[in-house]
Amino acid sequence: MPCRPKAAVVVATIAVIGIAFVSAPVSAAPWRADEGNTRGWMLMSPQERIEHQARVRGFTDYDTCAAYRAEHHALMMQRARERGLDLPGSHWDFCSRLKRGAPRD
Protein backbone atom coordinates (compact mmCIF):
# COMPACT_ATOMS: atom_id res chain seq x y z
CA MET A 1 0.00 0.00 0.00
CA PRO A 2 1.63 3.30 -1.08
CA CYS A 3 2.22 6.06 1.47
CA ARG A 4 0.24 9.27 1.08
CA PRO A 5 2.37 12.43 0.73
CA LYS A 6 1.13 13.97 4.01
CA ALA A 7 1.82 10.75 5.91
CA ALA A 8 5.32 10.57 4.40
CA VAL A 9 6.05 14.13 5.57
CA VAL A 10 4.84 13.33 9.09
CA VAL A 11 6.97 10.17 9.24
CA ALA A 12 10.03 12.04 7.93
CA THR A 13 9.52 14.87 10.44
CA ILE A 14 9.25 12.42 13.34
CA ALA A 15 12.40 10.65 12.16
CA VAL A 16 14.36 13.92 12.00
CA ILE A 17 13.17 14.98 15.45
CA GLY A 18 14.09 11.56 16.83
CA ILE A 19 17.59 11.72 15.35
CA ALA A 20 18.10 15.24 16.70
CA PHE A 21 16.97 14.14 20.16
CA VAL A 22 19.21 11.07 20.24
CA SER A 23 22.26 12.98 19.01
CA ALA A 24 21.89 15.80 21.57
CA PRO A 25 25.12 16.44 23.48
CA VAL A 26 25.49 14.29 26.58
CA SER A 27 27.37 17.04 28.41
CA ALA A 28 24.14 19.02 28.78
CA ALA A 29 23.56 17.35 32.15
CA PRO A 30 25.45 18.58 35.22
CA TRP A 31 28.66 16.80 36.22
CA ARG A 32 28.01 13.67 38.21
CA ALA A 33 30.56 12.07 40.52
CA ASP A 34 31.07 8.34 40.05
CA GLU A 35 33.69 5.62 40.47
CA GLY A 36 35.13 6.47 37.05
CA ASN A 37 35.89 10.12 37.77
CA THR A 38 36.26 10.43 41.54
CA ARG A 39 39.50 9.45 43.19
CA GLY A 40 38.78 7.39 46.31
CA TRP A 41 35.13 6.73 45.42
CA MET A 42 35.29 3.30 47.07
CA LEU A 43 36.64 4.89 50.25
CA MET A 44 33.78 7.37 50.61
CA SER A 45 30.42 6.83 52.28
CA PRO A 46 27.28 7.43 50.20
CA GLN A 47 26.74 10.72 52.07
CA GLU A 48 30.33 11.83 51.42
CA ARG A 49 29.85 11.10 47.72
CA ILE A 50 26.75 13.29 47.60
CA GLU A 51 28.51 16.10 49.48
CA HIS A 52 31.59 15.82 47.24
CA GLN A 53 29.51 16.07 44.10
CA ALA A 54 27.58 19.08 45.40
CA ARG A 55 30.77 20.81 46.46
CA VAL A 56 32.49 20.25 43.12
CA ARG A 57 29.45 21.56 41.25
CA GLY A 58 29.39 24.68 43.43
CA PHE A 59 32.92 25.99 42.85
CA THR A 60 33.16 29.27 40.97
CA ASP A 61 36.92 29.91 41.05
CA TYR A 62 39.85 27.69 40.17
CA ASP A 63 42.06 28.28 43.23
CA THR A 64 39.38 27.32 45.75
CA CYS A 65 38.47 24.27 43.70
CA ALA A 66 42.12 23.20 43.32
CA ALA A 67 42.69 23.54 47.08
CA TYR A 68 39.65 21.35 47.79
CA ARG A 69 40.80 18.83 45.17
CA ALA A 70 44.27 18.56 46.79
CA GLU A 71 42.70 18.19 50.26
CA HIS A 72 40.28 15.53 49.00
CA HIS A 73 43.07 13.56 47.29
CA ALA A 74 45.24 13.70 50.43
CA LEU A 75 42.34 12.38 52.54
CA MET A 76 41.65 9.56 50.07
CA MET A 77 45.34 8.60 50.02
CA GLN A 78 45.38 8.51 53.83
CA ARG A 79 42.31 6.25 53.90
CA ALA A 80 43.84 3.98 51.25
CA ARG A 81 47.09 3.67 53.27
CA GLU A 82 45.12 2.83 56.42
CA ARG A 83 43.39 0.00 54.54
CA GLY A 84 46.51 -1.19 52.76
CA LEU A 85 45.15 -0.24 49.33
CA ASP A 86 46.75 1.36 46.31
CA LEU A 87 44.84 4.42 45.19
CA PRO A 88 44.92 4.89 41.42
CA GLY A 89 46.40 8.15 40.19
CA SER A 90 44.16 11.03 39.30
CA HIS A 91 43.65 11.36 35.57
CA TRP A 92 41.18 14.22 35.45
CA ASP A 93 41.17 17.70 36.95
CA PHE A 94 37.54 18.58 37.66
CA CYS A 95 38.65 22.16 38.38
CA SER A 96 40.02 22.76 34.88
CA ARG A 97 36.66 24.12 33.72
CA LEU A 98 37.27 27.09 36.01
CA LYS A 99 40.60 28.15 34.51
CA ARG A 100 40.62 31.44 32.62
CA GLY A 101 39.83 30.86 28.98
CA ALA A 102 38.48 27.34 29.58
CA PRO A 103 35.45 26.49 27.45
CA ARG A 104 32.19 26.71 29.37
CA ASP A 105 29.59 23.92 29.35
PDB file of N, CA and C in Angstrom:
ATOM      1  N   MET A   1       0.845  -1.176   0.000  1.00  0.00           N
ATOM      2  CA  MET A   1       0.000   0.000   0.000  1.00  0.00           C
ATOM      3  C   MET A   1       0.892   1.242   0.000  1.00  0.00           C
ATOM      4  N   PRO A   2       0.770   2.118  -0.986  1.00  0.00           N
ATOM      5  CA  PRO A   2       1.629   3.303  -1.079  1.00  0.00           C
ATOM      6  C   PRO A   2       1.304   4.307   0.024  1.00  0.00           C
ATOM      7  N   CYS A   3       2.332   5.031   0.438  1.00  0.00           N
ATOM      8  CA  CYS A   3       2.215   6.059   1.470  1.00  0.00           C
ATOM      9  C   CYS A   3       1.661   7.341   0.858  1.00  0.00           C
ATOM     10  N   ARG A   4       0.745   7.984   1.558  1.00  0.00           N
ATOM     11  CA  ARG A   4       0.239   9.266   1.085  1.00  0.00           C
ATOM     12  C   ARG A   4       1.281  10.336   1.363  1.00  0.00           C
ATOM     13  N   PRO A   5       1.350  11.396   0.554  1.00  0.00           N
ATOM     14  CA  PRO A   5       2.366  12.433   0.731  1.00  0.00           C
ATOM     15  C   PRO A   5       2.360  13.062   2.124  1.00  0.00           C
ATOM     16  N   LYS A   6       1.180  13.370   2.679  1.00  0.00           N
ATOM     17  CA  LYS A   6       1.130  13.975   4.014  1.00  0.00           C
ATOM     18  C   LYS A   6       1.687  13.011   5.065  1.00  0.00           C
ATOM     19  N   ALA A   7       1.335  11.752   4.950  1.00  0.00           N
ATOM     20  CA  ALA A   7       1.817  10.755   5.907  1.00  0.00           C
ATOM     21  C   ALA A   7       3.335  10.621   5.805  1.00  0.00           C
ATOM     22  N   ALA A   8       3.871  10.677   4.599  1.00  0.00           N
ATOM     23  CA  ALA A   8       5.319  10.573   4.403  1.00  0.00           C
ATOM     24  C   ALA A   8       6.037  11.755   5.052  1.00  0.00           C
ATOM     25  N   VAL A   9       5.459  12.939   4.951  1.00  0.00           N
ATOM     26  CA  VAL A   9       6.054  14.132   5.570  1.00  0.00           C
ATOM     27  C   VAL A   9       6.044  13.995   7.091  1.00  0.00           C
ATOM     28  N   VAL A  10       4.949  13.518   7.643  1.00  0.00           N
ATOM     29  CA  VAL A  10       4.841  13.333   9.092  1.00  0.00           C
ATOM     30  C   VAL A  10       5.880  12.328   9.565  1.00  0.00           C
ATOM     31  N   VAL A  11       6.004  11.212   8.872  1.00  0.00           N
ATOM     32  CA  VAL A  11       6.971  10.174   9.242  1.00  0.00           C
ATOM     33  C   VAL A  11       8.392  10.733   9.162  1.00  0.00           C
ATOM     34  N   ALA A  12       8.695  11.462   8.094  1.00  0.00           N
ATOM     35  CA  ALA A  12      10.026  12.039   7.929  1.00  0.00           C
ATOM     36  C   ALA A  12      10.322  13.056   9.035  1.00  0.00           C
ATOM     37  N   THR A  13       9.348  13.867   9.383  1.00  0.00           N
ATOM     38  CA  THR A  13       9.521  14.867  10.437  1.00  0.00           C
ATOM     39  C   THR A  13       9.794  14.193  11.775  1.00  0.00           C
ATOM     40  N   ILE A  14       9.046  13.163  12.086  1.00  0.00           N
ATOM     41  CA  ILE A  14       9.249  12.425  13.343  1.00  0.00           C
ATOM     42  C   ILE A  14      10.637  11.800  13.361  1.00  0.00           C
ATOM     43  N   ALA A  15      11.073  11.260  12.245  1.00  0.00           N
ATOM     44  CA  ALA A  15      12.397  10.652  12.162  1.00  0.00           C
ATOM     45  C   ALA A  15      13.489  11.692  12.411  1.00  0.00           C
ATOM     46  N   VAL A  16      13.363  12.858  11.821  1.00  0.00           N
ATOM     47  CA  VAL A  16      14.362  13.920  12.000  1.00  0.00           C
ATOM     48  C   VAL A  16      14.397  14.380  13.450  1.00  0.00           C
ATOM     49  N   ILE A  17      13.239  14.565  14.040  1.00  0.00           N
ATOM     50  CA  ILE A  17      13.174  14.976  15.448  1.00  0.00           C
ATOM     51  C   ILE A  17      13.798  13.907  16.337  1.00  0.00           C
ATOM     52  N   GLY A  18      13.513  12.662  16.057  1.00  0.00           N
ATOM     53  CA  GLY A  18      14.089  11.561  16.829  1.00  0.00           C
ATOM     54  C   GLY A  18      15.595  11.529  16.732  1.00  0.00           C
ATOM     55  N   ILE A  19      16.133  11.718  15.534  1.00  0.00           N
ATOM     56  CA  ILE A  19      17.585  11.725  15.352  1.00  0.00           C
ATOM     57  C   ILE A  19      18.202  12.905  16.086  1.00  0.00           C
ATOM     58  N   ALA A  20      17.586  14.051  16.013  1.00  0.00           N
ATOM     59  CA  ALA A  20      18.102  15.237  16.704  1.00  0.00           C
ATOM     60  C   ALA A  20      18.104  15.026  18.216  1.00  0.00           C
ATOM     61  N   PHE A  21      17.071  14.392  18.720  1.00  0.00           N
ATOM     62  CA  PHE A  21      16.970  14.142  20.156  1.00  0.00           C
ATOM     63  C   PHE A  21      18.046  13.165  20.613  1.00  0.00           C
ATOM     64  N   VAL A  22      18.237  12.098  19.871  1.00  0.00           N
ATOM     65  CA  VAL A  22      19.208  11.072  20.235  1.00  0.00           C
ATOM     66  C   VAL A  22      20.629  11.607  20.142  1.00  0.00           C
ATOM     67  N   SER A  23      20.901  12.486  19.194  1.00  0.00           N
ATOM     68  CA  SER A  23      22.258  12.982  19.012  1.00  0.00           C
ATOM     69  C   SER A  23      22.551  14.247  19.822  1.00  0.00           C
ATOM     70  N   ALA A  24      21.657  14.629  20.731  1.00  0.00           N
ATOM     71  CA  ALA A  24      21.889  15.803  21.570  1.00  0.00           C
ATOM     72  C   ALA A  24      23.124  15.567  22.431  1.00  0.00           C
ATOM     73  N   PRO A  25      23.890  16.616  22.714  1.00  0.00           N
ATOM     74  CA  PRO A  25      25.117  16.435  23.482  1.00  0.00           C
ATOM     75  C   PRO A  25      24.836  15.882  24.872  1.00  0.00           C
ATOM     76  N   VAL A  26      25.636  14.919  25.279  1.00  0.00           N
ATOM     77  CA  VAL A  26      25.488  14.290  26.583  1.00  0.00           C
ATOM     78  C   VAL A  26      25.924  15.239  27.690  1.00  0.00           C
ATOM     79  N   SER A  27      26.833  16.144  27.395  1.00  0.00           N
ATOM     80  CA  SER A  27      27.368  17.042  28.411  1.00  0.00           C
ATOM     81  C   SER A  27      26.354  18.086  28.886  1.00  0.00           C
ATOM     82  N   ALA A  28      25.144  18.059  28.369  1.00  0.00           N
ATOM     83  CA  ALA A  28      24.144  19.024  28.782  1.00  0.00           C
ATOM     84  C   ALA A  28      23.739  18.829  30.249  1.00  0.00           C
ATOM     85  N   ALA A  29      23.892  17.631  30.759  1.00  0.00           N
ATOM     86  CA  ALA A  29      23.555  17.350  32.151  1.00  0.00           C
ATOM     87  C   ALA A  29      24.686  17.828  33.055  1.00  0.00           C
ATOM     88  N   PRO A  30      24.388  18.158  34.310  1.00  0.00           N
ATOM     89  CA  PRO A  30      25.449  18.580  35.224  1.00  0.00           C
ATOM     90  C   PRO A  30      26.422  17.437  35.508  1.00  0.00           C
ATOM     91  N   TRP A  31      27.637  17.792  35.899  1.00  0.00           N
ATOM     92  CA  TRP A  31      28.656  16.799  36.221  1.00  0.00           C
ATOM     93  C   TRP A  31      28.154  15.900  37.343  1.00  0.00           C
ATOM     94  N   ARG A  32      28.439  14.642  37.214  1.00  0.00           N
ATOM     95  CA  ARG A  32      28.007  13.669  38.211  1.00  0.00           C
ATOM     96  C   ARG A  32      29.202  12.854  38.671  1.00  0.00           C
ATOM     97  N   ALA A  33      29.462  12.854  39.967  1.00  0.00           N
ATOM     98  CA  ALA A  33      30.563  12.071  40.523  1.00  0.00           C
ATOM     99  C   ALA A  33      30.230  10.588  40.425  1.00  0.00           C
ATOM    100  N   ASP A  34      31.231   9.791  40.065  1.00  0.00           N
ATOM    101  CA  ASP A  34      31.067   8.338  40.054  1.00  0.00           C
ATOM    102  C   ASP A  34      32.423   7.673  40.204  1.00  0.00           C
ATOM    103  N   GLU A  35      32.441   6.352  40.247  1.00  0.00           N
ATOM    104  CA  GLU A  35      33.691   5.622  40.465  1.00  0.00           C
ATOM    105  C   GLU A  35      34.693   5.824  39.333  1.00  0.00           C
ATOM    106  N   GLY A  36      34.237   6.253  38.185  1.00  0.00           N
ATOM    107  CA  GLY A  36      35.132   6.469  37.051  1.00  0.00           C
ATOM    108  C   GLY A  36      35.804   7.830  37.039  1.00  0.00           C
ATOM    109  N   ASN A  37      35.304   8.781  37.815  1.00  0.00           N
ATOM    110  CA  ASN A  37      35.886  10.122  37.771  1.00  0.00           C
ATOM    111  C   ASN A  37      36.179  10.718  39.143  1.00  0.00           C
ATOM    112  N   THR A  38      36.048   9.918  40.190  1.00  0.00           N
ATOM    113  CA  THR A  38      36.261  10.430  41.542  1.00  0.00           C
ATOM    114  C   THR A  38      37.282   9.571  42.269  1.00  0.00           C
ATOM    115  N   ARG A  39      38.432  10.173  42.505  1.00  0.00           N
ATOM    116  CA  ARG A  39      39.502   9.452  43.193  1.00  0.00           C
ATOM    117  C   ARG A  39      39.060   9.124  44.617  1.00  0.00           C
ATOM    118  N   GLY A  40      39.153   7.838  44.965  1.00  0.00           N
ATOM    119  CA  GLY A  40      38.775   7.394  46.305  1.00  0.00           C
ATOM    120  C   GLY A  40      37.294   7.107  46.470  1.00  0.00           C
ATOM    121  N   TRP A  41      36.569   6.991  45.381  1.00  0.00           N
ATOM    122  CA  TRP A  41      35.126   6.730  45.416  1.00  0.00           C
ATOM    123  C   TRP A  41      34.798   5.578  46.366  1.00  0.00           C
ATOM    124  N   MET A  42      35.572   4.494  46.268  1.00  0.00           N
ATOM    125  CA  MET A  42      35.293   3.304  47.067  1.00  0.00           C
ATOM    126  C   MET A  42      35.607   3.510  48.547  1.00  0.00           C
ATOM    127  N   LEU A  43      36.278   4.598  48.862  1.00  0.00           N
ATOM    128  CA  LEU A  43      36.640   4.893  50.246  1.00  0.00           C
ATOM    129  C   LEU A  43      35.717   5.920  50.885  1.00  0.00           C
ATOM    130  N   MET A  44      34.711   6.347  50.137  1.00  0.00           N
ATOM    131  CA  MET A  44      33.775   7.374  50.610  1.00  0.00           C
ATOM    132  C   MET A  44      32.429   6.734  50.944  1.00  0.00           C
ATOM    133  N   SER A  45      31.772   7.279  51.955  1.00  0.00           N
ATOM    134  CA  SER A  45      30.418   6.827  52.279  1.00  0.00           C
ATOM    135  C   SER A  45      29.458   7.421  51.237  1.00  0.00           C
ATOM    136  N   PRO A  46      28.264   6.848  51.118  1.00  0.00           N
ATOM    137  CA  PRO A  46      27.284   7.434  50.196  1.00  0.00           C
ATOM    138  C   PRO A  46      27.026   8.921  50.472  1.00  0.00           C
ATOM    139  N   GLN A  47      26.966   9.306  51.732  1.00  0.00           N
ATOM    140  CA  GLN A  47      26.739  10.718  52.075  1.00  0.00           C
ATOM    141  C   GLN A  47      27.927  11.571  51.639  1.00  0.00           C
ATOM    142  N   GLU A  48      29.146  11.077  51.848  1.00  0.00           N
ATOM    143  CA  GLU A  48      30.329  11.833  51.417  1.00  0.00           C
ATOM    144  C   GLU A  48      30.343  12.004  49.899  1.00  0.00           C
ATOM    145  N   ARG A  49      29.901  11.006  49.179  1.00  0.00           N
ATOM    146  CA  ARG A  49      29.846  11.099  47.719  1.00  0.00           C
ATOM    147  C   ARG A  49      28.892  12.203  47.274  1.00  0.00           C
ATOM    148  N   ILE A  50      27.739  12.258  47.924  1.00  0.00           N
ATOM    149  CA  ILE A  50      26.748  13.293  47.602  1.00  0.00           C
ATOM    150  C   ILE A  50      27.313  14.678  47.911  1.00  0.00           C
ATOM    151  N   GLU A  51      27.937  14.813  49.084  1.00  0.00           N
ATOM    152  CA  GLU A  51      28.509  16.096  49.485  1.00  0.00           C
ATOM    153  C   GLU A  51      29.653  16.514  48.549  1.00  0.00           C
ATOM    154  N   HIS A  52      30.481  15.541  48.161  1.00  0.00           N
ATOM    155  CA  HIS A  52      31.592  15.821  47.244  1.00  0.00           C
ATOM    156  C   HIS A  52      31.057  16.336  45.909  1.00  0.00           C
ATOM    157  N   GLN A  53      30.081  15.664  45.382  1.00  0.00           N
ATOM    158  CA  GLN A  53      29.506  16.071  44.098  1.00  0.00           C
ATOM    159  C   GLN A  53      28.924  17.478  44.191  1.00  0.00           C
ATOM    160  N   ALA A  54      28.184  17.754  45.234  1.00  0.00           N
ATOM    161  CA  ALA A  54      27.580  19.078  45.400  1.00  0.00           C
ATOM    162  C   ALA A  54      28.660  20.151  45.534  1.00  0.00           C
ATOM    163  N   ARG A  55      29.689  19.832  46.262  1.00  0.00           N
ATOM    164  CA  ARG A  55      30.767  20.806  46.464  1.00  0.00           C
ATOM    165  C   ARG A  55      31.481  21.111  45.151  1.00  0.00           C
ATOM    166  N   VAL A  56      31.796  20.061  44.395  1.00  0.00           N
ATOM    167  CA  VAL A  56      32.493  20.252  43.119  1.00  0.00           C
ATOM    168  C   VAL A  56      31.637  21.069  42.157  1.00  0.00           C
ATOM    169  N   ARG A  57      30.353  20.802  42.131  1.00  0.00           N
ATOM    170  CA  ARG A  57      29.455  21.563  41.249  1.00  0.00           C
ATOM    171  C   ARG A  57      29.364  23.033  41.650  1.00  0.00           C
ATOM    172  N   GLY A  58      29.597  23.324  42.927  1.00  0.00           N
ATOM    173  CA  GLY A  58      29.391  24.676  43.428  1.00  0.00           C
ATOM    174  C   GLY A  58      30.578  25.619  43.297  1.00  0.00           C
ATOM    175  N   PHE A  59      31.753  25.113  42.942  1.00  0.00           N
ATOM    176  CA  PHE A  59      32.918  25.992  42.854  1.00  0.00           C
ATOM    177  C   PHE A  59      32.773  26.999  41.722  1.00  0.00           C
ATOM    178  N   THR A  60      33.221  28.228  41.997  1.00  0.00           N
ATOM    179  CA  THR A  60      33.162  29.271  40.973  1.00  0.00           C
ATOM    180  C   THR A  60      34.540  29.826  40.636  1.00  0.00           C
ATOM    181  N   ASP A  61      35.574  29.452  41.408  1.00  0.00           N
ATOM    182  CA  ASP A  61      36.918  29.905  41.052  1.00  0.00           C
ATOM    183  C   ASP A  61      37.903  28.743  41.160  1.00  0.00           C
ATOM    184  N   TYR A  62      38.898  28.796  40.306  1.00  0.00           N
ATOM    185  CA  TYR A  62      39.848  27.692  40.170  1.00  0.00           C
ATOM    186  C   TYR A  62      40.650  27.444  41.442  1.00  0.00           C
ATOM    187  N   ASP A  63      41.178  28.476  42.074  1.00  0.00           N
ATOM    188  CA  ASP A  63      42.061  28.284  43.229  1.00  0.00           C
ATOM    189  C   ASP A  63      41.362  27.580  44.384  1.00  0.00           C
ATOM    190  N   THR A  64      40.139  27.964  44.680  1.00  0.00           N
ATOM    191  CA  THR A  64      39.383  27.319  45.750  1.00  0.00           C
ATOM    192  C   THR A  64      39.101  25.858  45.400  1.00  0.00           C
ATOM    193  N   CYS A  65      38.739  25.627  44.161  1.00  0.00           N
ATOM    194  CA  CYS A  65      38.473  24.271  43.697  1.00  0.00           C
ATOM    195  C   CYS A  65      39.735  23.414  43.776  1.00  0.00           C
ATOM    196  N   ALA A  66      40.857  23.948  43.317  1.00  0.00           N
ATOM    197  CA  ALA A  66      42.118  23.200  43.319  1.00  0.00           C
ATOM    198  C   ALA A  66      42.559  22.872  44.749  1.00  0.00           C
ATOM    199  N   ALA A  67      42.343  23.800  45.682  1.00  0.00           N
ATOM    200  CA  ALA A  67      42.689  23.545  47.082  1.00  0.00           C
ATOM    201  C   ALA A  67      41.834  22.410  47.640  1.00  0.00           C
ATOM    202  N   TYR A  68      40.536  22.428  47.342  1.00  0.00           N
ATOM    203  CA  TYR A  68      39.654  21.351  47.787  1.00  0.00           C
ATOM    204  C   TYR A  68      40.081  20.022  47.160  1.00  0.00           C
ATOM    205  N   ARG A  69      40.399  20.044  45.868  1.00  0.00           N
ATOM    206  CA  ARG A  69      40.804  18.825  45.169  1.00  0.00           C
ATOM    207  C   ARG A  69      42.047  18.222  45.824  1.00  0.00           C
ATOM    208  N   ALA A  70      43.049  19.043  46.140  1.00  0.00           N
ATOM    209  CA  ALA A  70      44.272  18.556  46.790  1.00  0.00           C
ATOM    210  C   ALA A  70      43.956  17.977  48.174  1.00  0.00           C
ATOM    211  N   GLU A  71      43.104  18.664  48.923  1.00  0.00           N
ATOM    212  CA  GLU A  71      42.697  18.193  50.258  1.00  0.00           C
ATOM    213  C   GLU A  71      41.953  16.856  50.152  1.00  0.00           C
ATOM    214  N   HIS A  72      41.051  16.759  49.196  1.00  0.00           N
ATOM    215  CA  HIS A  72      40.285  15.525  48.997  1.00  0.00           C
ATOM    216  C   HIS A  72      41.214  14.367  48.620  1.00  0.00           C
ATOM    217  N   HIS A  73      42.148  14.622  47.712  1.00  0.00           N
ATOM    218  CA  HIS A  73      43.075  13.565  47.292  1.00  0.00           C
ATOM    219  C   HIS A  73      43.954  13.107  48.449  1.00  0.00           C
ATOM    220  N   ALA A  74      44.416  14.052  49.276  1.00  0.00           N
ATOM    221  CA  ALA A  74      45.237  13.696  50.432  1.00  0.00           C
ATOM    222  C   ALA A  74      44.442  12.820  51.409  1.00  0.00           C
ATOM    223  N   LEU A  75      43.193  13.171  51.643  1.00  0.00           N
ATOM    224  CA  LEU A  75      42.342  12.382  52.538  1.00  0.00           C
ATOM    225  C   LEU A  75      42.118  10.975  51.987  1.00  0.00           C
ATOM    226  N   MET A  76      41.872  10.879  50.679  1.00  0.00           N
ATOM    227  CA  MET A  76      41.649   9.564  50.075  1.00  0.00           C
ATOM    228  C   MET A  76      42.922   8.712  50.114  1.00  0.00           C
ATOM    229  N   MET A  77      44.074   9.344  49.936  1.00  0.00           N
ATOM    230  CA  MET A  77      45.340   8.602  50.015  1.00  0.00           C
ATOM    231  C   MET A  77      45.578   8.102  51.436  1.00  0.00           C
ATOM    232  N   GLN A  78      45.239   8.919  52.424  1.00  0.00           N
ATOM    233  CA  GLN A  78      45.384   8.508  53.827  1.00  0.00           C
ATOM    234  C   GLN A  78      44.482   7.303  54.116  1.00  0.00           C
ATOM    235  N   ARG A  79      43.237   7.368  53.686  1.00  0.00           N
ATOM    236  CA  ARG A  79      42.312   6.249  53.897  1.00  0.00           C
ATOM    237  C   ARG A  79      42.799   4.982  53.200  1.00  0.00           C
ATOM    238  N   ALA A  80      43.335   5.138  51.991  1.00  0.00           N
ATOM    239  CA  ALA A  80      43.842   3.981  51.245  1.00  0.00           C
ATOM    240  C   ALA A  80      45.017   3.355  51.998  1.00  0.00           C
ATOM    241  N   ARG A  81      45.943   4.184  52.494  1.00  0.00           N
ATOM    242  CA  ARG A  81      47.093   3.668  53.265  1.00  0.00           C
ATOM    243  C   ARG A  81      46.617   2.907  54.493  1.00  0.00           C
ATOM    244  N   GLU A  82      45.638   3.468  55.209  1.00  0.00           N
ATOM    245  CA  GLU A  82      45.119   2.835  56.419  1.00  0.00           C
ATOM    246  C   GLU A  82      44.525   1.462  56.129  1.00  0.00           C
ATOM    247  N   ARG A  83      44.012   1.280  54.918  1.00  0.00           N
ATOM    248  CA  ARG A  83      43.389   0.003  54.537  1.00  0.00           C
ATOM    249  C   ARG A  83      44.324  -0.883  53.724  1.00  0.00           C
ATOM    250  N   GLY A  84      45.537  -0.414  53.523  1.00  0.00           N
ATOM    251  CA  GLY A  84      46.509  -1.188  52.761  1.00  0.00           C
ATOM    252  C   GLY A  84      46.171  -1.287  51.278  1.00  0.00           C
ATOM    253  N   LEU A  85      45.550  -0.249  50.734  1.00  0.00           N
ATOM    254  CA  LEU A  85      45.147  -0.243  49.325  1.00  0.00           C
ATOM    255  C   LEU A  85      46.013   0.710  48.521  1.00  0.00           C
ATOM    256  N   ASP A  86      46.109   0.438  47.240  1.00  0.00           N
ATOM    257  CA  ASP A  86      46.748   1.363  46.309  1.00  0.00           C
ATOM    258  C   ASP A  86      45.655   2.216  45.687  1.00  0.00           C
ATOM    259  N   LEU A  87      45.812   3.510  45.781  1.00  0.00           N
ATOM    260  CA  LEU A  87      44.840   4.423  45.195  1.00  0.00           C
ATOM    261  C   LEU A  87      45.318   4.788  43.797  1.00  0.00           C
ATOM    262  N   PRO A  88      44.499   4.538  42.783  1.00  0.00           N
ATOM    263  CA  PRO A  88      44.920   4.891  41.420  1.00  0.00           C
ATOM    264  C   PRO A  88      45.185   6.388  41.306  1.00  0.00           C
ATOM    265  N   GLY A  89      46.090   6.744  40.421  1.00  0.00           N
ATOM    266  CA  GLY A  89      46.403   8.151  40.188  1.00  0.00           C
ATOM    267  C   GLY A  89      45.215   8.898  39.616  1.00  0.00           C
ATOM    268  N   SER A  90      45.238  10.192  39.825  1.00  0.00           N
ATOM    269  CA  SER A  90      44.160  11.025  39.303  1.00  0.00           C
ATOM    270  C   SER A  90      44.447  11.334  37.843  1.00  0.00           C
ATOM    271  N   HIS A  91      43.464  11.134  37.000  1.00  0.00           N
ATOM    272  CA  HIS A  91      43.652  11.362  35.569  1.00  0.00           C
ATOM    273  C   HIS A  91      42.839  12.544  35.049  1.00  0.00           C
ATOM    274  N   TRP A  92      42.066  13.156  35.909  1.00  0.00           N
ATOM    275  CA  TRP A  92      41.181  14.224  35.447  1.00  0.00           C
ATOM    276  C   TRP A  92      41.100  15.325  36.491  1.00  0.00           C
ATOM    277  N   ASP A  93      41.252  16.541  36.064  1.00  0.00           N
ATOM    278  CA  ASP A  93      41.169  17.698  36.953  1.00  0.00           C
ATOM    279  C   ASP A  93      39.787  18.325  36.804  1.00  0.00           C
ATOM    280  N   PHE A  94      38.909  18.054  37.756  1.00  0.00           N
ATOM    281  CA  PHE A  94      37.543  18.582  37.655  1.00  0.00           C
ATOM    282  C   PHE A  94      37.494  20.096  37.829  1.00  0.00           C
ATOM    283  N   CYS A  95      38.595  20.702  38.225  1.00  0.00           N
ATOM    284  CA  CYS A  95      38.646  22.158  38.379  1.00  0.00           C
ATOM    285  C   CYS A  95      39.027  22.864  37.083  1.00  0.00           C
ATOM    286  N   SER A  96      39.504  22.130  36.105  1.00  0.00           N
ATOM    287  CA  SER A  96      40.022  22.759  34.877  1.00  0.00           C
ATOM    288  C   SER A  96      38.981  23.626  34.172  1.00  0.00           C
ATOM    289  N   ARG A  97      37.719  23.323  34.359  1.00  0.00           N
ATOM    290  CA  ARG A  97      36.657  24.117  33.723  1.00  0.00           C
ATOM    291  C   ARG A  97      36.622  25.546  34.250  1.00  0.00           C
ATOM    292  N   LEU A  98      37.277  25.772  35.388  1.00  0.00           N
ATOM    293  CA  LEU A  98      37.266  27.094  36.011  1.00  0.00           C
ATOM    294  C   LEU A  98      38.482  27.945  35.659  1.00  0.00           C
ATOM    295  N   LYS A  99      39.417  27.384  34.911  1.00  0.00           N
ATOM    296  CA  LYS A  99      40.597  28.151  34.513  1.00  0.00           C
ATOM    297  C   LYS A  99      40.186  29.242  33.543  1.00  0.00           C
ATOM    298  N   ARG A 100      40.910  30.346  33.566  1.00  0.00           N
ATOM    299  CA  ARG A 100      40.623  31.440  32.617  1.00  0.00           C
ATOM    300  C   ARG A 100      40.760  30.924  31.202  1.00  0.00           C
ATOM    301  N   GLY A 101      39.792  31.248  30.379  1.00  0.00           N
ATOM    302  CA  GLY A 101      39.831  30.856  28.983  1.00  0.00           C
ATOM    303  C   GLY A 101      39.340  29.440  28.725  1.00  0.00           C
ATOM    304  N   ALA A 102      38.986  28.700  29.777  1.00  0.00           N
ATOM    305  CA  ALA A 102      38.479  27.340  29.578  1.00  0.00           C
ATOM    306  C   ALA A 102      37.087  27.406  28.962  1.00  0.00           C
ATOM    307  N   PRO A 103      36.781  26.490  28.050  1.00  0.00           N
ATOM    308  CA  PRO A 103      35.445  26.487  27.453  1.00  0.00           C
ATOM    309  C   PRO A 103      34.389  26.213  28.511  1.00  0.00           C
ATOM    310  N   ARG A 104      33.307  26.899  28.426  1.00  0.00           N
ATOM    311  CA  ARG A 104      32.186  26.715  29.368  1.00  0.00           C
ATOM    312  C   ARG A 104      31.227  25.670  28.826  1.00  0.00           C
ATOM    313  N   ASP A 105      30.584  24.941  29.740  1.00  0.00           N
ATOM    314  CA  ASP A 105      29.593  23.920  29.346  1.00  0.00           C
ATOM    315  C   ASP A 105      28.332  24.559  28.841  1.00  0.00           C
TER     316      ASP A 105
END
